[in-house]
Amino acid sequence: MTSQYKRRFNSFVFAHDELHPLEVYKSLKHLIQPSGSFAIYSIYLQPLTEVLNEMSRDKDTVNAKIEELWTRELQMFPLRTHPHMSMHGQSGYCLTG
């Protein structure tokens, strides 16, 4: 990003499967206000740990954590609901702070 952007943003959400989260974070971190919040999603854990390590080196992030997202598809029938039994539950990972 160029320095033409004077405005800083109070939040940042990134979810893209073709761009590497670390490169996007390095390009956009100067646009986030102090005490701004962020969420970065990836289906893989490794890219998010790279971003978390970069944040630790910069020492400018508070309460950063990676959480595994888990979803379950439900079957809905009249008077009963139950989860699909033959599905995997992993949906990806989210780095927040």
PDB file of N, CA and C in Angstrom:
ATOM      1  N   MET A   1       0.837  -1.181   0.000  1.00  0.00           N
ATOM      2  CA  MET A   1       0.000   0.000   0.000  1.00  0.00           C
ATOM      3  C   MET A   1       0.882   1.245   0.000  1.00  0.00           C
ATOM      4  N   THR A   2       0.411   2.275  -0.613  1.00  0.00           N
ATOM      5  CA  THR A   2       1.176   3.515  -0.637  1.00  0.00           C
ATOM      6  C   THR A   2       0.770   4.393   0.529  1.00  0.00           C
ATOM      7  N   SER A   3       1.522   5.443   0.743  1.00  0.00           N
ATOM      8  CA  SER A   3       1.236   6.338   1.865  1.00  0.00           C
ATOM      9  C   SER A   3       0.126   7.331   1.544  1.00  0.00           C
ATOM     10  N   GLN A   4      -0.563   7.139   0.433  1.00  0.00           N
ATOM     11  CA  GLN A   4      -1.639   8.047   0.066  1.00  0.00           C
ATOM     12  C   GLN A   4      -2.841   7.923   0.996  1.00  0.00           C
ATOM     13  N   TYR A   5      -2.927   6.807   1.740  1.00  0.00           N
ATOM     14  CA  TYR A   5      -4.042   6.604   2.641  1.00  0.00           C
ATOM     15  C   TYR A   5      -3.757   7.289   3.965  1.00  0.00           C
ATOM     16  N   LYS A   6      -4.513   8.326   4.278  1.00  0.00           N
ATOM     17  CA  LYS A   6      -4.326   9.069   5.527  1.00  0.00           C
ATOM     18  C   LYS A   6      -5.242   8.536   6.624  1.00  0.00           C
ATOM     19  N   ARG A   7      -6.366   7.991   6.233  1.00  0.00           N
ATOM     20  CA  ARG A   7      -7.347   7.510   7.189  1.00  0.00           C
ATOM     21  C   ARG A   7      -6.939   6.135   7.710  1.00  0.00           C
ATOM     22  N   ARG A   8      -7.158   5.927   9.009  1.00  0.00           N
ATOM     23  CA  ARG A   8      -6.886   4.632   9.615  1.00  0.00           C
ATOM     24  C   ARG A   8      -8.212   4.000  10.007  1.00  0.00           C
ATOM     25  N   PHE A   9      -8.254   2.696   9.971  1.00  0.00           N
ATOM     26  CA  PHE A   9      -9.498   1.970  10.203  1.00  0.00           C
ATOM     27  C   PHE A   9      -9.498   1.326  11.582  1.00  0.00           C
ATOM     28  N   ASN A  10     -10.698   1.176  12.171  1.00  0.00           N
ATOM     29  CA  ASN A  10     -10.794   0.622  13.522  1.00  0.00           C
ATOM     30  C   ASN A  10     -10.998  -0.890  13.534  1.00  0.00           C
ATOM     31  N   SER A  11     -11.097  -1.511  12.363  1.00  0.00           N
ATOM     32  CA  SER A  11     -11.210  -2.964  12.316  1.00  0.00           C
ATOM     33  C   SER A  11     -10.696  -3.474  10.972  1.00  0.00           C
ATOM     34  N   PHE A  12     -10.358  -4.750  10.974  1.00  0.00           N
ATOM     35  CA  PHE A  12      -9.797  -5.387   9.788  1.00  0.00           C
ATOM     36  C   PHE A  12     -10.258  -6.832   9.771  1.00  0.00           C
ATOM     37  N   VAL A  13     -10.889  -7.248   8.691  1.00  0.00           N
ATOM     38  CA  VAL A  13     -11.342  -8.626   8.533  1.00  0.00           C
ATOM     39  C   VAL A  13     -10.761  -9.147   7.221  1.00  0.00           C
ATOM     40  N   PHE A  14     -10.099 -10.295   7.284  1.00  0.00           N
ATOM     41  CA  PHE A  14      -9.479 -10.867   6.094  1.00  0.00           C
ATOM     42  C   PHE A  14      -9.860 -12.338   5.987  1.00  0.00           C
ATOM     43  N   ALA A  15     -10.436 -12.718   4.871  1.00  0.00           N
ATOM     44  CA  ALA A  15     -10.781 -14.117   4.594  1.00  0.00           C
ATOM     45  C   ALA A  15     -10.638 -14.332   3.092  1.00  0.00           C
ATOM     46  N   HIS A  16      -9.534 -14.918   2.697  1.00  0.00           N
ATOM     47  CA  HIS A  16      -9.279 -15.159   1.280  1.00  0.00           C
ATOM     48  C   HIS A  16      -8.408 -16.396   1.170  1.00  0.00           C
ATOM     49  N   ASP A  17      -8.729 -17.297   0.263  1.00  0.00           N
ATOM     50  CA  ASP A  17      -7.982 -18.545   0.198  1.00  0.00           C
ATOM     51  C   ASP A  17      -6.811 -18.523  -0.787  1.00  0.00           C
ATOM     52  N   GLU A  18      -6.643 -17.453  -1.543  1.00  0.00           N
ATOM     53  CA  GLU A  18      -5.539 -17.409  -2.503  1.00  0.00           C
ATOM     54  C   GLU A  18      -4.406 -16.464  -2.083  1.00  0.00           C
ATOM     55  N   LEU A  19      -4.680 -15.520  -1.218  1.00  0.00           N
ATOM     56  CA  LEU A  19      -3.650 -14.604  -0.735  1.00  0.00           C
ATOM     57  C   LEU A  19      -3.108 -15.095   0.598  1.00  0.00           C
ATOM     58  N   HIS A  20      -1.814 -14.937   0.794  1.00  0.00           N
ATOM     59  CA  HIS A  20      -1.197 -15.375   2.055  1.00  0.00           C
ATOM     60  C   HIS A  20      -1.474 -14.328   3.137  1.00  0.00           C
ATOM     61  N   PRO A  21      -2.016 -14.728   4.276  1.00  0.00           N
ATOM     62  CA  PRO A  21      -2.369 -13.782   5.339  1.00  0.00           C
ATOM     63  C   PRO A  21      -1.201 -12.927   5.829  1.00  0.00           C
ATOM     64  N   LEU A  22       0.008 -13.475   5.856  1.00  0.00           N
ATOM     65  CA  LEU A  22       1.151 -12.717   6.348  1.00  0.00           C
ATOM     66  C   LEU A  22       1.471 -11.531   5.438  1.00  0.00           C
ATOM     67  N   GLU A  23       1.431 -11.745   4.152  1.00  0.00           N
ATOM     68  CA  GLU A  23       1.709 -10.654   3.214  1.00  0.00           C
ATOM     69  C   GLU A  23       0.643  -9.570   3.295  1.00  0.00           C
ATOM     70  N   VAL A  24      -0.597  -9.970   3.447  1.00  0.00           N
ATOM     71  CA  VAL A  24      -1.687  -8.992   3.572  1.00  0.00           C
ATOM     72  C   VAL A  24      -1.547  -8.223   4.879  1.00  0.00           C
ATOM     73  N   TYR A  25      -1.229  -8.934   5.968  1.00  0.00           N
ATOM     74  CA  TYR A  25      -1.048  -8.265   7.256  1.00  0.00           C
ATOM     75  C   TYR A  25       0.073  -7.235   7.183  1.00  0.00           C
ATOM     76  N   LYS A  26       1.228  -7.621   6.621  1.00  0.00           N
ATOM     77  CA  LYS A  26       2.350  -6.692   6.520  1.00  0.00           C
ATOM     78  C   LYS A  26       1.994  -5.461   5.687  1.00  0.00           C
ATOM     79  N   SER A  27       1.179  -5.649   4.659  1.00  0.00           N
ATOM     80  CA  SER A  27       0.800  -4.539   3.783  1.00  0.00           C
ATOM     81  C   SER A  27      -0.212  -3.590   4.416  1.00  0.00           C
ATOM     82  N   LEU A  28      -1.058  -4.114   5.302  1.00  0.00           N
ATOM     83  CA  LEU A  28      -2.173  -3.316   5.814  1.00  0.00           C
ATOM     84  C   LEU A  28      -2.080  -2.936   7.286  1.00  0.00           C
ATOM     85  N   LYS A  29      -1.101  -3.441   8.029  1.00  0.00           N
ATOM     86  CA  LYS A  29      -1.071  -3.194   9.473  1.00  0.00           C
ATOM     87  C   LYS A  29      -0.938  -1.718   9.825  1.00  0.00           C
ATOM     88  N   HIS A  30      -0.309  -0.936   8.996  1.00  0.00           N
ATOM     89  CA  HIS A  30      -0.168   0.498   9.283  1.00  0.00           C
ATOM     90  C   HIS A  30      -1.489   1.258   9.102  1.00  0.00           C
ATOM     91  N   LEU A  31      -2.486   0.624   8.520  1.00  0.00           N
ATOM     92  CA  LEU A  31      -3.784   1.273   8.314  1.00  0.00           C
ATOM     93  C   LEU A  31      -4.764   1.030   9.459  1.00  0.00           C
ATOM     94  N   ILE A  32      -4.396   0.187  10.414  1.00  0.00           N
ATOM     95  CA  ILE A  32      -5.285  -0.115  11.536  1.00  0.00           C
ATOM     96  C   ILE A  32      -4.974   0.833  12.686  1.00  0.00           C
ATOM     97  N   GLN A  33      -6.002   1.444  13.260  1.00  0.00           N
ATOM     98  CA  GLN A  33      -5.836   2.356  14.391  1.00  0.00           C
ATOM     99  C   GLN A  33      -5.306   1.615  15.612  1.00  0.00           C
ATOM    100  N   PRO A  34      -4.632   2.322  16.495  1.00  0.00           N
ATOM    101  CA  PRO A  34      -4.295   1.710  17.788  1.00  0.00           C
ATOM    102  C   PRO A  34      -5.594   1.280  18.488  1.00  0.00           C
ATOM    103  N   SER A  35      -5.587   0.157  19.085  1.00  0.00           N
ATOM    104  CA  SER A  35      -6.742  -0.490  19.724  1.00  0.00           C
ATOM    105  C   SER A  35      -7.792  -0.940  18.725  1.00  0.00           C
ATOM    106  N   GLY A  36      -7.464  -0.978  17.460  1.00  0.00           N
ATOM    107  CA  GLY A  36      -8.383  -1.526  16.463  1.00  0.00           C
ATOM    108  C   GLY A  36      -8.410  -3.047  16.552  1.00  0.00           C
ATOM    109  N   SER A  37      -9.487  -3.644  16.143  1.00  0.00           N
ATOM    110  CA  SER A  37      -9.613  -5.102  16.213  1.00  0.00           C
ATOM    111  C   SER A  37      -9.422  -5.710  14.820  1.00  0.00           C
ATOM    112  N   PHE A  38      -9.065  -6.981  14.818  1.00  0.00           N
ATOM    113  CA  PHE A  38      -8.862  -7.660  13.552  1.00  0.00           C
ATOM    114  C   PHE A  38      -9.292  -9.111  13.657  1.00  0.00           C
ATOM    115  N   ALA A  39      -9.614  -9.707  12.512  1.00  0.00           N
ATOM    116  CA  ALA A  39      -9.908 -11.128  12.401  1.00  0.00           C
ATOM    117  C   ALA A  39      -9.360 -11.598  11.062  1.00  0.00           C
ATOM    118  N   ILE A  40      -8.565 -12.652  11.110  1.00  0.00           N
ATOM    119  CA  ILE A  40      -7.965 -13.214   9.910  1.00  0.00           C
ATOM    120  C   ILE A  40      -8.337 -14.688   9.874  1.00  0.00           C
ATOM    121  N   TYR A  41      -8.957 -15.111   8.781  1.00  0.00           N
ATOM    122  CA  TYR A  41      -9.429 -16.494   8.644  1.00  0.00           C
ATOM    123  C   TYR A  41      -8.562 -17.257   7.649  1.00  0.00           C
ATOM    124  N   SER A  42      -8.322 -18.526   7.951  1.00  0.00           N
ATOM    125  CA  SER A  42      -7.626 -19.414   7.025  1.00  0.00           C
ATOM    126  C   SER A  42      -8.098 -20.840   7.282  1.00  0.00           C
ATOM    127  N   ILE A  43      -8.143 -21.632   6.234  1.00  0.00           N
ATOM    128  CA  ILE A  43      -8.506 -23.032   6.447  1.00  0.00           C
ATOM    129  C   ILE A  43      -7.319 -23.821   7.002  1.00  0.00           C
ATOM    130  N   TYR A  44      -6.118 -23.223   6.937  1.00  0.00           N
ATOM    131  CA  TYR A  44      -4.909 -23.871   7.440  1.00  0.00           C
ATOM    132  C   TYR A  44      -4.357 -23.116   8.644  1.00  0.00           C
ATOM    133  N   LEU A  45      -3.755 -23.839   9.558  1.00  0.00           N
ATOM    134  CA  LEU A  45      -3.204 -23.258  10.778  1.00  0.00           C
ATOM    135  C   LEU A  45      -1.867 -22.554  10.542  1.00  0.00           C
ATOM    136  N   GLN A  46      -1.016 -23.109   9.694  1.00  0.00           N
ATOM    137  CA  GLN A  46       0.341 -22.599   9.502  1.00  0.00           C
ATOM    138  C   GLN A  46       0.398 -21.121   9.100  1.00  0.00           C
ATOM    139  N   PRO A  47      -0.385 -20.649   8.118  1.00  0.00           N
ATOM    140  CA  PRO A  47      -0.304 -19.223   7.771  1.00  0.00           C
ATOM    141  C   PRO A  47      -0.649 -18.302   8.935  1.00  0.00           C
ATOM    142  N   LEU A  48      -1.577 -18.721   9.775  1.00  0.00           N
ATOM    143  CA  LEU A  48      -1.966 -17.875  10.909  1.00  0.00           C
ATOM    144  C   LEU A  48      -0.894 -17.862  11.989  1.00  0.00           C
ATOM    145  N   THR A  49      -0.176 -18.973  12.166  1.00  0.00           N
ATOM    146  CA  THR A  49       0.912 -18.963  13.138  1.00  0.00           C
ATOM    147  C   THR A  49       2.048 -18.062  12.655  1.00  0.00           C
ATOM    148  N   GLU A  50       2.243 -17.977  11.357  1.00  0.00           N
ATOM    149  CA  GLU A  50       3.251 -17.058  10.821  1.00  0.00           C
ATOM    150  C   GLU A  50       2.870 -15.610  11.108  1.00  0.00           C
ATOM    151  N   VAL A  51       1.592 -15.283  10.956  1.00  0.00           N
ATOM    152  CA  VAL A  51       1.122 -13.929  11.259  1.00  0.00           C
ATOM    153  C   VAL A  51       1.259 -13.651  12.752  1.00  0.00           C
ATOM    154  N   LEU A  52       0.888 -14.613  13.582  1.00  0.00           N
ATOM    155  CA  LEU A  52       0.997 -14.447  15.038  1.00  0.00           C
ATOM    156  C   LEU A  52       2.451 -14.244  15.460  1.00  0.00           C
ATOM    157  N   ASN A  53       3.375 -14.965  14.851  1.00  0.00           N
ATOM    158  CA  ASN A  53       4.802 -14.774  15.152  1.00  0.00           C
ATOM    159  C   ASN A  53       5.266 -13.388  14.744  1.00  0.00           C
ATOM    160  N   GLU A  54       4.808 -12.908  13.611  1.00  0.00           N
ATOM    161  CA  GLU A  54       5.152 -11.548  13.161  1.00  0.00           C
ATOM    162  C   GLU A  54       4.612 -10.508  14.137  1.00  0.00           C
ATOM    163  N   MET A  55       3.406 -10.708  14.609  1.00  0.00           N
ATOM    164  CA  MET A  55       2.812  -9.787  15.587  1.00  0.00           C
ATOM    165  C   MET A  55       3.603  -9.800  16.890  1.00  0.00           C
ATOM    166  N   SER A  56       4.069 -10.962  17.292  1.00  0.00           N
ATOM    167  CA  SER A  56       4.871 -11.065  18.518  1.00  0.00           C
ATOM    168  C   SER A  56       6.195 -10.334  18.369  1.00  0.00           C
ATOM    169  N   ARG A  57       6.807 -10.432  17.202  1.00  0.00           N
ATOM    170  CA  ARG A  57       8.066  -9.717  16.958  1.00  0.00           C
ATOM    171  C   ARG A  57       7.854  -8.204  16.957  1.00  0.00           C
ATOM    172  N   ASP A  58       6.722  -7.745  16.393  1.00  0.00           N
ATOM    173  CA  ASP A  58       6.426  -6.310  16.330  1.00  0.00           C
ATOM    174  C   ASP A  58       6.051  -5.733  17.687  1.00  0.00           C
ATOM    175  N   LYS A  59       5.517  -6.565  18.578  1.00  0.00           N
ATOM    176  CA  LYS A  59       5.073  -6.148  19.918  1.00  0.00           C
ATOM    177  C   LYS A  59       4.048  -5.007  19.871  1.00  0.00           C
ATOM    178  N   ASP A  60       3.162  -5.072  18.889  1.00  0.00           N
ATOM    179  CA  ASP A  60       2.135  -4.032  18.789  1.00  0.00           C
ATOM    180  C   ASP A  60       0.719  -4.607  18.798  1.00  0.00           C
ATOM    181  N   THR A  61       0.591  -5.860  19.227  1.00  0.00           N
ATOM    182  CA  THR A  61      -0.708  -6.518  19.231  1.00  0.00           C
ATOM    183  C   THR A  61      -1.012  -7.037  20.630  1.00  0.00           C
ATOM    184  N   VAL A  62      -2.261  -6.864  21.042  1.00  0.00           N
ATOM    185  CA  VAL A  62      -2.684  -7.311  22.366  1.00  0.00           C
ATOM    186  C   VAL A  62      -3.766  -8.370  22.203  1.00  0.00           C
ATOM    187  N   ASN A  63      -3.708  -9.393  23.026  1.00  0.00           N
ATOM    188  CA  ASN A  63      -4.741 -10.423  23.097  1.00  0.00           C
ATOM    189  C   ASN A  63      -4.940 -11.154  21.773  1.00  0.00           C
ATOM    190  N   ALA A  64      -3.875 -11.397  21.054  1.00  0.00           N
ATOM    191  CA  ALA A  64      -3.977 -12.145  19.801  1.00  0.00           C
ATOM    192  C   ALA A  64      -4.055 -13.629  20.112  1.00  0.00           C
ATOM    193  N   LYS A  65      -4.970 -14.325  19.463  1.00  0.00           N
ATOM    194  CA  LYS A  65      -5.125 -15.752  19.689  1.00  0.00           C
ATOM    195  C   LYS A  65      -5.685 -16.414  18.434  1.00  0.00           C
ATOM    196  N   ILE A  66      -5.345 -17.672  18.284  1.00  0.00           N
ATOM    197  CA  ILE A  66      -5.850 -18.475  17.168  1.00  0.00           C
ATOM    198  C   ILE A  66      -6.859 -19.466  17.736  1.00  0.00           C
ATOM    199  N   GLU A  67      -8.004 -19.520  17.106  1.00  0.00           N
ATOM    200  CA  GLU A  67      -9.041 -20.458  17.534  1.00  0.00           C
ATOM    201  C   GLU A  67      -9.468 -21.314  16.359  1.00  0.00           C
ATOM    202  N   GLU A  68      -9.726 -22.574  16.645  1.00  0.00           N
ATOM    203  CA  GLU A  68     -10.234 -23.471  15.608  1.00  0.00           C
ATOM    204  C   GLU A  68     -11.742 -23.306  15.518  1.00  0.00           C
ATOM    205  N   LEU A  69     -12.227 -23.108  14.321  1.00  0.00           N
ATOM    206  CA  LEU A  69     -13.669 -22.985  14.109  1.00  0.00           C
ATOM    207  C   LEU A  69     -14.244 -24.374  13.875  1.00  0.00           C
ATOM    208  N   TRP A  70     -15.412 -24.584  14.379  1.00  0.00           N
ATOM    209  CA  TRP A  70     -16.032 -25.893  14.251  1.00  0.00           C
ATOM    210  C   TRP A  70     -17.508 -25.690  13.962  1.00  0.00           C
ATOM    211  N   THR A  71     -17.970 -26.305  12.907  1.00  0.00           N
ATOM    212  CA  THR A  71     -19.393 -26.216  12.567  1.00  0.00           C
ATOM    213  C   THR A  71     -19.954 -27.619  12.404  1.00  0.00           C
ATOM    214  N   ARG A  72     -21.234 -27.719  12.560  1.00  0.00           N
ATOM    215  CA  ARG A  72     -21.900 -29.002  12.390  1.00  0.00           C
ATOM    216  C   ARG A  72     -23.188 -28.776  11.615  1.00  0.00           C
ATOM    217  N   GLU A  73     -23.331 -29.524  10.557  1.00  0.00           N
ATOM    218  CA  GLU A  73     -24.541 -29.457   9.758  1.00  0.00           C
ATOM    219  C   GLU A  73     -25.629 -30.269  10.455  1.00  0.00           C
ATOM    220  N   LEU A  74     -26.828 -29.716  10.506  1.00  0.00           N
ATOM    221  CA  LEU A  74     -27.935 -30.385  11.187  1.00  0.00           C
ATOM    222  C   LEU A  74     -28.985 -30.846  10.195  1.00  0.00           C
ATOM    223  N   GLN A  75     -29.577 -31.995  10.489  1.00  0.00           N
ATOM    224  CA  GLN A  75     -30.732 -32.466   9.731  1.00  0.00           C
ATOM    225  C   GLN A  75     -31.977 -32.020  10.471  1.00  0.00           C
ATOM    226  N   MET A  76     -32.873 -31.380   9.760  1.00  0.00           N
ATOM    227  CA  MET A  76     -34.093 -30.868  10.382  1.00  0.00           C
ATOM    228  C   MET A  76     -35.290 -31.677   9.879  1.00  0.00           C
ATOM    229  N   PHE A  77     -36.004 -32.270  10.805  1.00  0.00           N
ATOM    230  CA  PHE A  77     -37.213 -33.012  10.494  1.00  0.00           C
ATOM    231  C   PHE A  77     -38.319 -32.523  11.421  1.00  0.00           C
ATOM    232  N   PRO A  78     -39.558 -32.734  11.063  1.00  0.00           N
ATOM    233  CA  PRO A  78     -40.646 -32.333  11.970  1.00  0.00           C
ATOM    234  C   PRO A  78     -40.482 -33.001  13.340  1.00  0.00           C
ATOM    235  N   LEU A  79     -40.484 -32.182  14.388  1.00  0.00           N
ATOM    236  CA  LEU A  79     -40.414 -32.616  15.777  1.00  0.00           C
ATOM    237  C   LEU A  79     -39.075 -33.245  16.171  1.00  0.00           C
ATOM    238  N   ARG A  80     -38.050 -33.165  15.311  1.00  0.00           N
ATOM    239  CA  ARG A  80     -36.742 -33.676  15.706  1.00  0.00           C
ATOM    240  C   ARG A  80     -35.642 -33.053  14.847  1.00  0.00           C
ATOM    241  N   THR A  81     -34.493 -32.911  15.456  1.00  0.00           N
ATOM    242  CA  THR A  81     -33.314 -32.358  14.798  1.00  0.00           C
ATOM    243  C   THR A  81     -32.104 -33.145  15.286  1.00  0.00           C
ATOM    244  N   HIS A  82     -31.227 -33.517  14.384  1.00  0.00           N
ATOM    245  CA  HIS A  82     -29.997 -34.181  14.810  1.00  0.00           C
ATOM    246  C   HIS A  82     -28.883 -33.877  13.816  1.00  0.00           C
ATOM    247  N   PRO A  83     -27.634 -33.990  14.263  1.00  0.00           N
ATOM    248  CA  PRO A  83     -26.510 -33.678  13.372  1.00  0.00           C
ATOM    249  C   PRO A  83     -26.265 -34.798  12.365  1.00  0.00           C
ATOM    250  N   HIS A  84     -25.716 -34.416  11.212  1.00  0.00           N
ATOM    251  CA  HIS A  84     -25.243 -35.432  10.267  1.00  0.00           C
ATOM    252  C   HIS A  84     -24.106 -36.187  10.933  1.00  0.00           C
ATOM    253  N   MET A  85     -24.119 -37.477  10.855  1.00  0.00           N
ATOM    254  CA  MET A  85     -23.117 -38.277  11.551  1.00  0.00           C
ATOM    255  C   MET A  85     -21.864 -38.528  10.707  1.00  0.00           C
ATOM    256  N   SER A  86     -21.926 -38.331   9.408  1.00  0.00           N
ATOM    257  CA  SER A  86     -20.778 -38.671   8.554  1.00  0.00           C
ATOM    258  C   SER A  86     -20.073 -37.428   8.021  1.00  0.00           C
ATOM    259  N   MET A  87     -19.985 -36.405   8.827  1.00  0.00           N
ATOM    260  CA  MET A  87     -19.349 -35.172   8.376  1.00  0.00           C
ATOM    261  C   MET A  87     -18.134 -34.869   9.244  1.00  0.00           C
ATOM    262  N   HIS A  88     -17.216 -34.093   8.690  1.00  0.00           N
ATOM    263  CA  HIS A  88     -16.115 -33.609   9.510  1.00  0.00           C
ATOM    264  C   HIS A  88     -16.527 -32.239  10.043  1.00  0.00           C
ATOM    265  N   GLY A  89     -16.046 -31.879  11.175  1.00  0.00           N
ATOM    266  CA  GLY A  89     -16.481 -30.650  11.807  1.00  0.00           C
ATOM    267  C   GLY A  89     -15.551 -29.479  11.636  1.00  0.00           C
ATOM    268  N   GLN A  90     -14.345 -29.697  11.099  1.00  0.00           N
ATOM    269  CA  GLN A  90     -13.383 -28.618  11.008  1.00  0.00           C
ATOM    270  C   GLN A  90     -13.765 -27.634   9.908  1.00  0.00           C
ATOM    271  N   SER A  91     -13.754 -26.357  10.254  1.00  0.00           N
ATOM    272  CA  SER A  91     -14.098 -25.315   9.306  1.00  0.00           C
ATOM    273  C   SER A  91     -12.942 -24.380   9.022  1.00  0.00           C
ATOM    274  N   GLY A  92     -11.876 -24.463   9.779  1.00  0.00           N
ATOM    275  CA  GLY A  92     -10.740 -23.584   9.589  1.00  0.00           C
ATOM    276  C   GLY A  92     -10.311 -22.974  10.901  1.00  0.00           C
ATOM    277  N   TYR A  93      -9.523 -21.902  10.798  1.00  0.00           N
ATOM    278  CA  TYR A  93      -8.948 -21.235  11.968  1.00  0.00           C
ATOM    279  C   TYR A  93      -9.123 -19.725  11.836  1.00  0.00           C
ATOM    280  N   CYS A  94      -9.203 -19.059  12.975  1.00  0.00           N
ATOM    281  CA  CYS A  94      -9.379 -17.612  12.979  1.00  0.00           C
ATOM    282  C   CYS A  94      -8.394 -16.993  13.985  1.00  0.00           C
ATOM    283  N   LEU A  95      -7.628 -16.035  13.512  1.00  0.00           N
ATOM    284  CA  LEU A  95      -6.705 -15.282  14.353  1.00  0.00           C
ATOM    285  C   LEU A  95      -7.383 -13.956  14.671  1.00  0.00           C
ATOM    286  N   THR A  96      -7.548 -13.646  15.949  1.00  0.00           N
ATOM    287  CA  THR A  96      -8.222 -12.419  16.352  1.00  0.00           C
ATOM    288  C   THR A  96      -7.368 -11.663  17.369  1.00  0.00           C
ATOM    289  N   GLY A  97      -7.654 -10.400  17.525  1.00  0.00           N
ATOM    290  CA  GLY A  97      -6.947  -9.598  18.519  1.00  0.00           C
ATOM    291  C   GLY A  97      -7.437  -8.173  18.528  1.00  0.00           C
TER     292      GLY A  97
END
